[in-house]
Every structure is written in structure tokens, then in C-alpha cells.
Amino acid sequence: MSLPSAAIPPGSPSAASPLFAHWRDDLPASLVVFLVALPLCLGVALASGAPLLSGVIAGVVGGILVGAISGSPLMVSGPAAGLTAIVVAGIAQVGGFPRFLPAVILGGVIQLALGAARAGVIGYYFPSAVIKGMLAAIGLTLILKQIPHAVGYDADFEGDMAFVDPSGENTFSALSAAFSQVQPGAIAVAVLGVALMVLWPKTPMARIKLLPAPLAAVAIGVALNELLKALEPSFAIRGTHLVSLPATGVGGLLSQIARPDWSALRDQQVWMLAATLGIVASLESLLSLEATNKLDPEKRDGSANRELFAQGIGNIMSGFFGGLPVTGVIVRSSANVDAGGRTRLSAISHGLLLVVAVLLLAPLLNRIPLSALAAVLLVTGFKLTTPALWKSAWHLGRSHFIPFAVTIIAILFTDLLRGIGIGLVVGIGFILAEHMRRPALKKVSPPGAILTRYELPDQVTFLSKANLMRVLDELPAGCRVEIDGRKTSRFDYDALEALLSFRETARTRNIDYRLVGIPETDLTPAH
């Protein structure tokens, strides 16, 4: 399945392989992604103050529609925890969820415009250290956030990645509270699930591709809890710690779908909110795309501009049908990669499974313990933050490791976008420092020459000014110097100012100072 060529932005790749070429890998992977996505869709909706069904609708649109036209064969889209703060504030600001939906649709239109303007290139300007730090931080945060769910403490919603929970607890205080309220049944389900997934590749069952380890872990978790209910009810997991999917039938579900209130378009705040959603959702999707590209075993490069196009269409349709905003999400994408997904069939199929689950399987799925799903996410988190990733970052040197580590710490103690912003600033700081240390003048004359010749590099910017001034200030009085700029393609005014202004200094120090191939310019007076 692919877009008609006219609908795909220029330069976007077509599907790498037929949709069903790897169905034996993709269908089992879609089951795993579905199990991870279902509680996350419900949790994000709950945390956003939106109808529970709106999270599932966003998951369906992100899977089926965005998955079909995405720039990545492996990235999975859906409602994102990173947008919950914006959604909560936005719903209150514009006066209710129906009035919020036009902002989601307009945000999608903005994403289409960004894709047409080829703004996807923004994603390539994030240093590799920051992207790897993001992956490691998400893995570490997943582990810390899922431990409470694993022991039966579900005060926080599934999928929350922020340091401070909506309940007011932070990641670490929630851990302390969790261990004071443990449920033996939840711990047993989580420990058994993790052990099963770790040992699964070494068992003969691993040969059955249609039975992935996470699915087996969840099935065992359900069976164990049902057994505890029959044999020792006091150890069984209570209903408040199970998946809670609305079970009202087709008619009931249709009546719960919110419709956009188009009168909200007269409200300027809706347009401001739409711009915020369009920009933030685009940035989060581009970052997730870059991270998914790094996780892809086949190292395929998904088109960033096509991704913006896909996300824009997704948000337009999600908003129209009463869903939350959609972005690319790295937790579900990582689960897809770990489960062996190969093509976009996996993302599409997980969306179809969400539809089937809501329409037909709610009573069955509501028996799944959240601790069983926590086990799946704990293993996913470990794979995102493996010791090998930290070791590799360390061996690449401090200019790589420090932005990597700062990104991890910043995400852990704030949230995804703020943490990435802090890591990006630190990464850029190292790049600027390296550029400033690089010699701005290359000495090309032989030792002992009467005339000392220097060549300028291809680019001479304001970052070169400090080095230029240092070399010029160290020139001995009475020497002869030539500075050649014929190989330089770009001069910043700051660099030109330093080179041209030194003429007066050279005259007072009796320096024979020659400039070759350096353009003249009017020097701006200081006052």
C-alpha cells in the first residue's frame, strides 16, 4: 500500500517492499505493538482530560492511516504522552473537547504546509549524541515508570514520561510509594513475564514466529491471575489494576465519539493552539523518526518530509473523528523493532487490532493485568538503554558522551522535549567550542622565510574571530606577513572587520601587512 505518486512529496521513497512480503514477521510484531499501544492510548486520553475513546481513535488513525503513508517502514504513530500538558491546557483554554478538535485539524494542516516546505530537514540538525541520549533516557524512564505498575501501584497513567506526575508525585517518590503498597499477584505476574521474555529466545517456542514472547508473557499473566482468583482471591490482582477498555457495544461507542465544534474557529485561541500542536507534534515526530531510523536493523532512512505529510493527514482525520493529536512515538516503534517488524504492515495491523479490540474484545482484554504489560515495557526499556549504548558513547569521547549524558539526565528530570532541548544546547556548545579552537590561519610559508604567508579556510565566520585576533596580536613588530583569502568562499563581516582593522595596528608596529583575495568592506563605526 502506498500513496499515489502525485500525493507524495518530491524526493520521498516509495514503499521498500510489497505490503505482505514479510507478513510472518509483521503480524506477530503487530500483536506486541497492539498490547503496548492499548493501555498507552487509554492512559494518554485519561491524563489529557479527554474521552477515553479519543485515545483509541488516535491510535487507530496513527496505525492504519499514518502507518500506510509514513516515511518510515517501522515507526508507529498514535497519541503521545509528550503532548498531554498542551492538550489539558488547550481543552480548558478553548472551552471543552469538541472545541479543541478544530485545533487538532488545523495543526494537521500546518504539518502539511511544513511538509510541502520541506521542513523535515530540521530533524537532521540534531546531533547523534542527543538522539542516542533520547533513546537511552526513554528506556531508563520506561523502567522507572513501569516498576510501580509491576508491583501493582497504578496511581500514574500508563505512558506518562514526565518527571512530575499529574498526581503531584515525581518519578522517584512514586517508586517509594509503590513499594509501600505492593500486590503479591502483580509482582508474580511481572516477574514471570520478564523471565519468560528473557528466556524465550533459548526455548524451542522461539521458533513459532506467530507466538512472540510478549504475547506469551501477557497470556501467562492473564492465566496466572485467573488461577489466583480461583485458588487464593486475596492474592489476585484487583479490577482497578487491569486494562479498562469501554465495553458498551458498537452503538454505545458511536454515541461516545465527539464531533468538532466548528464555531470554535472564530476563537483566536484555537488558532494559536493549532500552531502549537502543529509545531510540537512535528518536532516530536521528526525526533522519533530519527530515533527509529537508528533502531532499524536494515538502517533504512525514512523520508522526513513524507513523515510530516503523513502526520498532517493523520491529525486532520483524528481531529475530524474525535481523536487526540497524533505523533510518531518511540516506545511503540521500539516495541515494533524488538518484536521483529519489517514493514509498515505491522503498524497498520496494530491499528486494525485496536478497532477489533474496541468493537469485540473488550471483556477479554479487560482481564489483562497492567503488571503483565509493565513486564513487556520493562524489557523494551532495557533494550533502549543497554550498557553497550553507554559504553559506545563513552568511547566516542567527552564531546559525544557529555551531550549524551546531559540529554538523559535532562529528560529524566523534566520531559522529552525540554530534555532534548537542553541536550541540544550542550551539543551545540561542544561544536562551537571545537570550531573556535580550530586554527583560522594556516601557515604555508617555509620556516625562516622573509615573508610569512597564511591561508584562510573555506569559511571564515564570527567564530573564527578570536583565533584570527590571537594570531595577529602575536605577530612580532617589523615582520612581513601576507594573508591569502583566495580559497575562501564566505567571509563573515566580523572576520573581515578583524582582518581589515588590523591594518592600523600593523602600521603602528611597523609590520608589512598584506591582504590577498580579501574583499574590502565599509567598517561600521562603534558609535
Protein backbone atom coordinates (compact mmCIF):
# COMPACT_ATOMS: atom_id res chain seq x y z
CA MET A 1 0.00 0.00 0.00
CA SER A 2 1.49 3.38 -0.97
CA LEU A 3 0.49 6.88 -1.87
CA PRO A 4 -0.16 7.84 -5.47
CA SER A 5 2.95 9.50 -6.83
CA ALA A 6 1.17 12.86 -7.07
CA ALA A 7 0.39 12.80 -3.36
CA ILE A 8 3.91 12.01 -2.19
CA PRO A 9 6.18 14.99 -1.60
CA PRO A 10 9.10 15.24 -4.07
CA GLY A 11 12.05 13.06 -3.19
CA SER A 12 10.07 10.70 -0.99
CA PRO A 13 10.78 7.00 -1.40
CA SER A 14 8.09 4.57 -2.33
CA ALA A 15 7.47 1.53 -0.21
CA ALA A 16 10.63 -0.54 0.01
CA SER A 17 8.82 -3.83 -0.46
CA PRO A 18 5.27 -5.16 -1.05
CA LEU A 19 3.00 -4.81 1.95
CA PHE A 20 2.67 -8.55 2.64
CA ALA A 21 6.26 -9.54 1.72
CA HIS A 22 7.18 -10.14 5.39
CA TRP A 23 3.80 -10.88 6.95
CA ARG A 24 5.22 -13.73 9.05
CA ASP A 25 7.35 -11.14 10.87
CA ASP A 26 4.94 -8.21 10.76
CA LEU A 27 1.75 -9.83 12.07
CA PRO A 28 3.30 -11.18 15.30
CA ALA A 29 5.02 -7.81 15.79
CA SER A 30 1.67 -6.04 15.35
CA LEU A 31 0.23 -8.09 18.23
CA VAL A 32 3.03 -6.89 20.50
CA VAL A 33 2.61 -3.27 19.40
CA PHE A 34 -1.14 -3.58 19.96
CA LEU A 35 -0.64 -4.85 23.53
CA VAL A 36 1.71 -1.95 24.26
CA ALA A 37 -0.44 0.64 22.47
CA LEU A 38 -3.82 -0.19 24.01
CA PRO A 39 -3.10 0.88 27.62
CA LEU A 40 -1.00 3.81 26.37
CA CYS A 41 -3.89 5.11 24.23
CA LEU A 42 -6.25 4.88 27.19
CA GLY A 43 -3.71 6.32 29.63
CA VAL A 44 -2.86 9.34 27.49
CA ALA A 45 -6.56 10.10 26.98
CA LEU A 46 -7.21 9.84 30.72
CA ALA A 47 -4.26 12.12 31.54
CA SER A 48 -5.36 14.61 28.88
CA GLY A 49 -8.83 15.03 30.36
CA ALA A 50 -10.31 13.75 27.08
CA PRO A 51 -12.82 10.93 26.45
CA LEU A 52 -11.14 7.51 26.72
CA LEU A 53 -12.29 6.68 23.20
CA SER A 54 -10.39 9.67 21.80
CA GLY A 55 -7.08 7.97 22.65
CA VAL A 56 -8.11 4.76 20.89
CA ILE A 57 -9.31 6.72 17.83
CA ALA A 58 -5.90 8.44 17.64
CA GLY A 59 -4.22 5.03 17.92
CA VAL A 60 -6.36 3.63 15.11
CA VAL A 61 -5.68 6.61 12.83
CA GLY A 62 -1.97 6.56 13.71
CA GLY A 63 -1.79 2.86 12.92
CA ILE A 64 -3.93 2.44 9.82
CA LEU A 65 -3.72 5.81 8.07
CA VAL A 66 -0.37 7.24 9.16
CA GLY A 67 1.18 3.76 9.06
CA ALA A 68 0.10 3.36 5.44
CA ILE A 69 1.71 6.60 4.22
CA SER A 70 4.50 7.12 6.75
CA GLY A 71 8.05 7.94 5.74
CA SER A 72 9.27 5.05 7.89
CA PRO A 73 8.55 1.32 7.49
CA LEU A 74 8.84 0.78 11.26
CA MET A 75 7.69 3.89 13.11
CA VAL A 76 4.36 3.63 14.89
CA SER A 77 2.17 6.70 15.47
CA GLY A 78 -0.55 7.42 17.97
CA PRO A 79 -1.43 9.68 20.92
CA ALA A 80 1.73 10.87 22.67
CA ALA A 81 2.30 11.48 26.37
CA GLY A 82 4.55 14.40 25.39
CA LEU A 83 1.51 16.38 24.28
CA THR A 84 -0.67 15.80 27.36
CA ALA A 85 0.24 19.09 29.04
CA ILE A 86 -0.63 21.01 25.86
CA VAL A 87 -3.88 19.06 25.43
CA VAL A 88 -5.01 19.53 29.05
CA ALA A 89 -4.32 23.27 28.93
CA GLY A 90 -5.82 23.56 25.44
CA ILE A 91 -9.11 21.86 26.31
CA ALA A 92 -9.54 24.17 29.32
CA GLN A 93 -8.49 27.23 27.33
CA VAL A 94 -10.91 26.82 24.41
CA GLY A 95 -13.84 25.55 26.47
CA GLY A 96 -14.15 21.80 26.05
CA PHE A 97 -13.03 18.85 23.95
CA PRO A 98 -15.35 19.44 20.94
CA ARG A 99 -13.94 22.98 20.63
CA PHE A 100 -10.42 21.54 20.92
CA LEU A 101 -10.86 19.22 17.91
CA PRO A 102 -10.71 22.00 15.25
CA ALA A 103 -7.27 22.92 16.65
CA VAL A 104 -6.13 19.32 16.06
CA ILE A 105 -7.36 19.52 12.45
CA LEU A 106 -5.70 22.90 11.85
CA GLY A 107 -2.49 21.55 13.42
CA GLY A 108 -2.58 18.80 10.78
CA VAL A 109 -2.96 21.42 8.03
CA ILE A 110 0.12 23.20 9.41
CA GLN A 111 2.03 19.91 9.22
CA LEU A 112 1.03 19.52 5.57
CA ALA A 113 2.38 23.02 4.93
CA LEU A 114 5.64 22.15 6.72
CA GLY A 115 5.97 19.01 4.62
CA ALA A 116 5.35 20.98 1.41
CA ALA A 117 8.00 23.49 2.53
CA ARG A 118 10.40 20.55 3.05
CA ALA A 119 10.86 21.46 6.71
CA GLY A 120 11.62 17.83 7.58
CA VAL A 121 15.30 18.69 7.22
CA ILE A 122 15.09 20.10 10.78
CA GLY A 123 15.32 16.56 12.11
CA TYR A 124 18.81 16.16 10.63
CA TYR A 125 20.19 19.03 12.73
CA PHE A 126 20.01 17.11 16.00
CA PRO A 127 23.40 15.61 16.94
CA SER A 128 23.66 11.84 17.08
CA ALA A 129 24.65 12.08 20.76
CA VAL A 130 21.33 13.77 21.55
CA ILE A 131 19.26 11.21 19.60
CA LYS A 132 21.06 8.31 21.30
CA GLY A 133 20.65 10.07 24.64
CA MET A 134 16.94 10.39 23.93
CA LEU A 135 16.66 6.65 23.30
CA ALA A 136 18.59 5.79 26.46
CA ALA A 137 16.56 8.28 28.51
CA ILE A 138 13.26 6.90 27.25
CA GLY A 139 14.45 3.40 28.14
CA LEU A 140 15.53 4.45 31.62
CA THR A 141 12.31 6.43 32.18
CA LEU A 142 10.25 3.46 31.00
CA ILE A 143 11.92 1.22 33.55
CA LEU A 144 11.43 3.70 36.41
CA LYS A 145 7.82 4.43 35.42
CA GLN A 146 6.85 0.78 34.93
CA ILE A 147 8.23 -0.54 38.22
CA PRO A 148 5.21 0.85 40.15
CA HIS A 149 2.82 -0.78 37.66
CA ALA A 150 4.79 -4.02 38.00
CA VAL A 151 4.20 -4.13 41.74
CA GLY A 152 0.52 -3.16 41.47
CA TYR A 153 0.68 0.61 42.12
CA ASP A 154 -1.18 2.36 39.29
CA ALA A 155 -1.63 5.91 40.58
CA ASP A 156 0.02 7.29 37.45
CA PHE A 157 -1.40 6.72 33.97
CA GLU A 158 0.26 4.29 31.55
CA GLY A 159 2.55 6.10 29.14
CA ASP A 160 3.43 9.09 31.34
CA MET A 161 7.05 10.08 30.70
CA ALA A 162 7.25 13.38 32.61
CA PHE A 163 9.25 13.64 35.83
CA VAL A 164 6.31 15.11 37.77
CA ASP A 165 3.13 13.02 37.56
CA PRO A 166 -0.33 14.61 37.28
CA SER A 167 -0.92 13.28 40.81
CA GLY A 168 1.90 15.54 42.07
CA GLU A 169 4.37 12.71 42.69
CA ASN A 170 7.63 12.56 40.79
CA THR A 171 9.31 9.53 39.27
CA PHE A 172 11.27 8.70 42.43
CA SER A 173 8.61 9.46 45.04
CA ALA A 174 6.22 7.23 43.07
CA LEU A 175 8.74 4.39 43.43
CA SER A 176 8.81 4.91 47.19
CA ALA A 177 5.00 4.95 47.38
CA ALA A 178 4.75 1.89 45.15
CA PHE A 179 6.87 -0.31 47.41
CA SER A 180 4.65 0.52 50.37
CA GLN A 181 1.55 -0.73 48.52
CA VAL A 182 2.67 -3.87 46.68
CA GLN A 183 0.33 -6.59 45.45
CA PRO A 184 1.82 -10.11 45.52
CA GLY A 185 -0.19 -11.18 42.47
CA ALA A 186 1.03 -8.20 40.41
CA ILE A 187 4.66 -8.87 41.33
CA ALA A 188 4.32 -12.56 40.43
CA VAL A 189 2.81 -11.69 37.02
CA ALA A 190 5.51 -9.09 36.27
CA VAL A 191 8.45 -11.28 37.37
CA LEU A 192 7.12 -14.26 35.43
CA GLY A 193 6.58 -12.07 32.35
CA VAL A 194 10.10 -10.60 32.40
CA ALA A 195 11.68 -14.03 32.99
CA LEU A 196 9.66 -15.53 30.15
CA MET A 197 10.73 -12.84 27.68
CA VAL A 198 14.38 -13.07 28.69
CA LEU A 199 14.47 -16.88 28.42
CA TRP A 200 12.14 -17.18 25.42
CA PRO A 201 14.85 -16.99 22.69
CA LYS A 202 16.57 -20.03 24.27
CA THR A 203 13.46 -22.22 24.17
CA PRO A 204 12.01 -24.23 21.25
CA MET A 205 8.95 -21.95 21.39
CA ALA A 206 11.03 -19.16 19.87
CA ARG A 207 10.75 -20.98 16.52
CA ILE A 208 7.00 -20.25 16.45
CA LYS A 209 7.01 -16.82 14.83
CA LEU A 210 3.29 -16.29 15.28
CA LEU A 211 3.74 -16.53 19.06
CA PRO A 212 6.06 -13.68 20.12
CA ALA A 213 7.44 -13.65 23.66
CA PRO A 214 5.50 -10.53 24.83
CA LEU A 215 2.20 -12.11 23.74
CA ALA A 216 3.09 -15.29 25.65
CA ALA A 217 4.02 -13.20 28.71
CA VAL A 218 0.68 -11.39 28.66
CA ALA A 219 -1.25 -14.66 28.16
CA ILE A 220 0.60 -16.27 31.09
CA GLY A 221 -0.12 -13.19 33.19
CA VAL A 222 -3.87 -13.43 32.49
CA ALA A 223 -3.87 -17.18 33.21
CA LEU A 224 -1.96 -16.72 36.49
CA ASN A 225 -4.32 -14.02 37.70
CA GLU A 226 -7.38 -16.11 36.82
CA LEU A 227 -5.83 -19.02 38.75
CA LEU A 228 -5.23 -16.79 41.77
CA LYS A 229 -8.87 -15.65 41.65
CA ALA A 230 -9.97 -19.28 41.87
CA LEU A 231 -7.43 -20.54 44.43
CA GLU A 232 -6.38 -17.56 46.55
CA PRO A 233 -8.53 -14.46 45.89
CA SER A 234 -6.59 -12.34 48.38
CA PHE A 235 -3.50 -12.59 46.13
CA ALA A 236 -5.39 -11.88 42.89
CA ILE A 237 -4.95 -8.53 41.12
CA ARG A 238 -7.88 -6.20 41.74
CA GLY A 239 -10.00 -4.87 38.88
CA THR A 240 -8.59 -1.36 39.23
CA HIS A 241 -5.21 -2.76 38.17
CA LEU A 242 -6.43 -4.36 34.96
CA VAL A 243 -6.87 -2.93 31.47
CA SER A 244 -10.04 -0.83 31.43
CA LEU A 245 -11.46 -0.68 27.92
CA PRO A 246 -15.00 0.73 27.44
CA ALA A 247 -17.35 -2.22 26.80
CA THR A 248 -20.58 -0.60 25.57
CA GLY A 249 -21.08 -2.23 22.18
CA VAL A 250 -20.99 -0.60 18.75
CA GLY A 251 -23.96 1.69 19.39
CA GLY A 252 -22.59 2.87 22.70
CA LEU A 253 -19.17 3.55 21.23
CA LEU A 254 -20.57 5.57 18.34
CA SER A 255 -22.51 7.72 20.78
CA GLN A 256 -19.26 8.50 22.64
CA ILE A 257 -17.45 9.87 19.59
CA ALA A 258 -17.01 13.63 19.95
CA ARG A 259 -17.64 15.88 16.94
CA PRO A 260 -15.68 19.07 16.19
CA ASP A 261 -17.41 22.28 17.20
CA TRP A 262 -16.66 24.43 14.15
CA SER A 263 -17.85 27.59 15.86
CA ALA A 264 -14.54 27.44 17.77
CA LEU A 265 -12.79 28.65 14.59
CA ARG A 266 -13.93 32.16 15.48
CA ASP A 267 -11.78 31.95 18.62
CA GLN A 268 -8.23 33.28 18.15
CA GLN A 269 -7.02 30.97 20.93
CA VAL A 270 -7.95 27.94 18.80
CA TRP A 271 -5.63 29.15 16.04
CA MET A 272 -2.80 29.76 18.50
CA LEU A 273 -3.32 26.28 19.95
CA ALA A 274 -3.32 24.79 16.45
CA ALA A 275 0.06 26.38 15.71
CA THR A 276 1.47 24.98 18.96
CA LEU A 277 0.13 21.49 18.25
CA GLY A 278 1.36 21.53 14.64
CA ILE A 279 4.90 22.58 15.54
CA VAL A 280 5.36 20.45 18.69
CA ALA A 281 3.80 17.34 17.11
CA SER A 282 6.01 17.79 14.02
CA LEU A 283 9.15 18.11 16.13
CA GLU A 284 8.30 15.05 18.23
CA SER A 285 7.55 13.02 15.08
CA LEU A 286 10.81 14.05 13.41
CA LEU A 287 12.80 13.12 16.51
CA SER A 288 11.00 9.78 16.73
CA LEU A 289 11.73 9.20 13.03
CA GLU A 290 15.44 9.84 13.55
CA ALA A 291 15.49 7.50 16.55
CA THR A 292 13.55 4.78 14.69
CA ASN A 293 15.96 5.04 11.75
CA LYS A 294 18.79 4.30 14.20
CA LEU A 295 16.92 1.32 15.66
CA ASP A 296 16.07 -0.19 12.26
CA PRO A 297 18.27 -3.29 11.75
CA GLU A 298 18.19 -2.63 7.99
CA LYS A 299 19.21 1.04 8.51
CA ARG A 300 16.53 2.38 6.16
CA ASP A 301 16.19 6.16 6.10
CA GLY A 302 12.54 7.20 6.29
CA SER A 303 11.74 10.43 4.44
CA ALA A 304 11.22 13.26 6.93
CA ASN A 305 9.11 15.37 4.57
CA ARG A 306 6.86 12.45 3.77
CA GLU A 307 6.53 11.85 7.50
CA LEU A 308 5.28 15.40 8.04
CA PHE A 309 2.76 14.83 5.24
CA ALA A 310 1.59 11.56 6.84
CA GLN A 311 1.32 13.09 10.32
CA GLY A 312 -0.62 16.04 8.91
CA ILE A 313 -3.17 13.77 7.23
CA GLY A 314 -3.35 11.74 10.44
CA ASN A 315 -4.11 14.75 12.63
CA ILE A 316 -6.72 16.08 10.23
CA MET A 317 -8.56 12.74 10.28
CA SER A 318 -8.04 12.13 14.02
CA GLY A 319 -9.47 15.53 14.88
CA PHE A 320 -12.39 15.05 12.47
CA PHE A 321 -13.36 11.72 14.07
CA GLY A 322 -12.92 12.90 17.67
CA GLY A 323 -9.38 11.70 18.37
CA LEU A 324 -6.40 13.15 20.21
CA PRO A 325 -3.42 14.63 18.32
CA VAL A 326 -1.18 12.04 16.66
CA THR A 327 2.63 11.92 16.58
CA GLY A 328 5.32 9.34 15.93
CA VAL A 329 6.03 7.60 19.25
CA ILE A 330 9.30 5.91 20.07
CA VAL A 331 8.06 3.43 22.73
CA ARG A 332 5.66 1.72 20.32
CA SER A 333 8.20 1.99 17.50
CA SER A 334 10.87 0.38 19.66
CA ALA A 335 8.46 -2.42 20.62
CA ASN A 336 7.81 -2.92 16.89
CA VAL A 337 11.53 -3.21 16.13
CA ASP A 338 12.18 -5.54 19.08
CA ALA A 339 9.27 -7.79 18.05
CA GLY A 340 10.76 -8.25 14.58
CA GLY A 341 8.58 -5.90 12.50
CA ARG A 342 9.87 -5.45 8.96
CA THR A 343 7.40 -3.23 7.06
CA ARG A 344 4.53 -0.81 7.66
CA LEU A 345 2.14 -3.78 7.69
CA SER A 346 2.89 -4.10 11.39
CA ALA A 347 1.78 -0.55 12.22
CA ILE A 348 -1.31 -0.86 10.02
CA SER A 349 -2.28 -4.22 11.56
CA HIS A 350 -1.92 -2.90 15.11
CA GLY A 351 -4.43 -0.18 14.18
CA LEU A 352 -6.85 -2.79 12.88
CA LEU A 353 -6.40 -4.79 16.08
CA LEU A 354 -7.35 -1.69 18.09
CA VAL A 355 -10.60 -1.49 16.10
CA VAL A 356 -11.36 -5.18 16.70
CA ALA A 357 -10.49 -4.83 20.38
CA VAL A 358 -12.86 -1.92 20.94
CA LEU A 359 -15.72 -3.49 19.00
CA LEU A 360 -15.46 -7.13 20.01
CA LEU A 361 -12.81 -7.98 22.59
CA ALA A 362 -13.28 -5.54 25.47
CA PRO A 363 -14.47 -8.18 28.02
CA LEU A 364 -11.47 -10.39 27.25
CA LEU A 365 -8.88 -7.61 27.17
CA ASN A 366 -10.15 -6.19 30.46
CA ARG A 367 -8.72 -9.31 32.13
CA ILE A 368 -5.12 -8.29 31.27
CA PRO A 369 -3.16 -7.17 34.37
CA LEU A 370 -1.33 -3.86 33.94
CA SER A 371 1.66 -5.59 35.57
CA ALA A 372 1.82 -8.02 32.62
CA LEU A 373 2.05 -5.07 30.22
CA ALA A 374 4.59 -3.46 32.56
CA ALA A 375 6.77 -6.55 32.12
CA VAL A 376 6.73 -6.04 28.34
CA LEU A 377 7.65 -2.36 28.72
CA LEU A 378 10.39 -3.11 31.26
CA VAL A 379 12.13 -5.37 28.74
CA THR A 380 11.59 -2.77 25.98
CA GLY A 381 13.08 -0.09 28.23
CA PHE A 382 16.17 -2.18 28.96
CA LYS A 383 16.76 -2.74 25.25
CA LEU A 384 16.64 1.02 24.69
CA THR A 385 19.21 1.78 27.39
CA THR A 386 21.56 -1.20 27.16
CA PRO A 387 25.03 -0.93 28.76
CA ALA A 388 26.50 -1.31 25.26
CA LEU A 389 24.94 2.03 24.25
CA TRP A 390 26.50 3.79 27.24
CA LYS A 391 29.86 2.10 26.63
CA SER A 392 29.84 3.14 22.96
CA ALA A 393 29.03 6.76 23.88
CA TRP A 394 31.88 6.79 26.43
CA HIS A 395 34.45 5.50 23.92
CA LEU A 396 33.49 8.24 21.41
CA GLY A 397 34.96 10.86 23.74
CA ARG A 398 33.66 13.57 26.02
CA SER A 399 32.35 15.75 23.18
CA HIS A 400 29.90 12.88 22.44
CA PHE A 401 29.39 11.45 25.92
CA ILE A 402 28.64 14.69 27.78
CA PRO A 403 25.74 15.76 25.48
CA PHE A 404 24.55 12.13 25.58
CA ALA A 405 24.57 12.04 29.40
CA VAL A 406 23.13 15.55 29.79
CA THR A 407 20.24 14.63 27.46
CA ILE A 408 19.48 11.56 29.58
CA ILE A 409 19.56 13.46 32.87
CA ALA A 410 17.53 16.38 31.48
CA ILE A 411 14.80 14.12 30.05
CA LEU A 412 14.68 12.09 33.24
CA PHE A 413 14.16 15.20 35.41
CA THR A 414 11.92 17.23 33.05
CA ASP A 415 10.21 15.76 30.00
CA LEU A 416 11.08 14.63 26.48
CA LEU A 417 11.10 17.92 24.55
CA ARG A 418 12.70 20.03 27.28
CA GLY A 419 15.36 17.40 27.86
CA ILE A 420 16.18 17.21 24.17
CA GLY A 421 16.39 21.00 24.04
CA ILE A 422 18.89 21.05 26.91
CA GLY A 423 20.93 18.25 25.32
CA LEU A 424 20.89 20.11 22.00
CA VAL A 425 22.24 23.29 23.62
CA VAL A 426 25.08 21.33 25.25
CA GLY A 427 25.83 19.52 21.97
CA ILE A 428 25.92 22.80 20.05
CA GLY A 429 28.18 24.21 22.76
CA PHE A 430 30.75 21.47 22.09
CA ILE A 431 30.51 22.05 18.32
CA LEU A 432 31.05 25.80 18.75
CA ALA A 433 33.95 25.27 21.16
CA GLU A 434 35.61 22.88 18.68
CA HIS A 435 35.09 25.34 15.84
CA MET A 436 36.56 28.17 17.88
CA ARG A 437 39.65 26.11 18.73
CA ARG A 438 40.26 25.28 15.07
CA PRO A 439 43.09 27.46 13.61
CA ALA A 440 41.70 30.25 11.43
CA LEU A 441 45.03 30.83 9.70
CA LYS A 442 47.17 28.11 8.12
CA LYS A 443 50.87 28.91 7.81
CA VAL A 444 52.03 27.90 4.30
CA SER A 445 55.47 29.58 4.03
CA PRO A 446 58.62 27.53 4.78
CA PRO A 447 60.45 28.05 8.08
CA GLY A 448 62.78 31.06 8.03
CA ALA A 449 61.07 32.74 5.06
CA ILE A 450 61.35 36.53 4.99
CA LEU A 451 57.64 36.79 4.10
CA THR A 452 55.37 34.72 6.35
CA ARG A 453 52.32 33.55 4.35
CA TYR A 454 48.99 32.38 5.82
CA GLU A 455 45.94 30.90 4.09
CA LEU A 456 42.36 31.31 5.27
CA PRO A 457 39.95 28.31 5.29
CA ASP A 458 36.91 27.93 3.04
CA GLN A 459 34.58 29.53 5.61
CA VAL A 460 35.63 32.45 7.81
CA THR A 461 32.87 33.28 10.29
CA PHE A 462 32.49 35.21 13.54
CA LEU A 463 33.57 32.01 15.30
CA SER A 464 37.00 32.45 13.68
CA LYS A 465 37.44 35.98 15.02
CA ALA A 466 39.05 35.01 18.34
CA ASN A 467 41.66 32.83 16.60
CA LEU A 468 42.34 35.50 13.97
CA MET A 469 42.89 38.16 16.61
CA ARG A 470 45.17 35.90 18.64
CA VAL A 471 47.46 35.17 15.66
CA LEU A 472 47.52 38.81 14.54
CA ASP A 473 48.24 40.11 18.06
CA GLU A 474 51.18 37.70 18.39
CA LEU A 475 52.90 38.93 15.20
CA PRO A 476 56.31 40.44 16.11
CA ALA A 477 56.96 44.09 15.30
CA GLY A 478 58.78 44.69 12.00
CA CYS A 479 57.79 41.35 10.38
CA ARG A 480 56.39 40.82 6.87
CA VAL A 481 53.03 38.99 6.61
CA GLU A 482 50.69 38.01 3.78
CA ILE A 483 47.18 36.61 4.39
CA ASP A 484 45.67 34.83 1.38
CA GLY A 485 41.87 34.55 1.16
CA ARG A 486 41.57 33.40 -2.47
CA LYS A 487 40.35 29.93 -1.41
CA THR A 488 37.72 31.33 0.94
CA SER A 489 34.15 31.20 -0.36
CA ARG A 490 32.46 33.03 2.52
CA PHE A 491 33.56 35.89 4.75
CA ASP A 492 31.57 37.00 7.79
CA TYR A 493 31.60 40.71 8.47
CA ASP A 494 33.13 40.06 11.93
CA ALA A 495 36.11 38.23 10.40
CA LEU A 496 36.57 40.90 7.73
CA GLU A 497 36.45 43.58 10.40
CA ALA A 498 39.26 41.86 12.32
CA LEU A 499 41.44 41.46 9.20
CA LEU A 500 40.89 44.98 7.81
CA SER A 501 41.06 46.80 11.14
CA PHE A 502 44.49 45.28 11.85
CA ARG A 503 45.98 47.49 9.11
CA GLU A 504 46.15 50.43 11.53
CA THR A 505 47.70 48.26 14.24
CA ALA A 506 50.25 46.89 11.73
CA ARG A 507 51.21 50.43 10.70
CA THR A 508 51.95 51.47 14.30
CA ARG A 509 54.03 48.29 14.85
CA ASN A 510 55.94 48.62 11.56
CA ILE A 511 54.50 45.33 10.21
CA ASP A 512 54.47 44.85 6.41
CA TYR A 513 50.83 43.58 6.31
CA ARG A 514 49.38 42.35 3.00
CA LEU A 515 45.89 41.02 2.26
CA VAL A 516 45.33 38.96 -0.92
CA GLY A 517 41.89 37.94 -2.20
CA ILE A 518 40.13 39.52 0.76
CA PRO A 519 37.23 41.82 -0.17
CA GLU A 520 37.07 45.40 1.04
CA THR A 521 34.05 46.50 3.07
CA ASP A 522 32.93 49.58 4.95
CA LEU A 523 33.68 49.13 8.65
CA THR A 524 30.76 50.03 10.89
CA PRO A 525 31.73 52.66 13.49
CA ALA A 526 31.38 51.62 17.11
CA HIS A 527 29.15 54.64 17.84
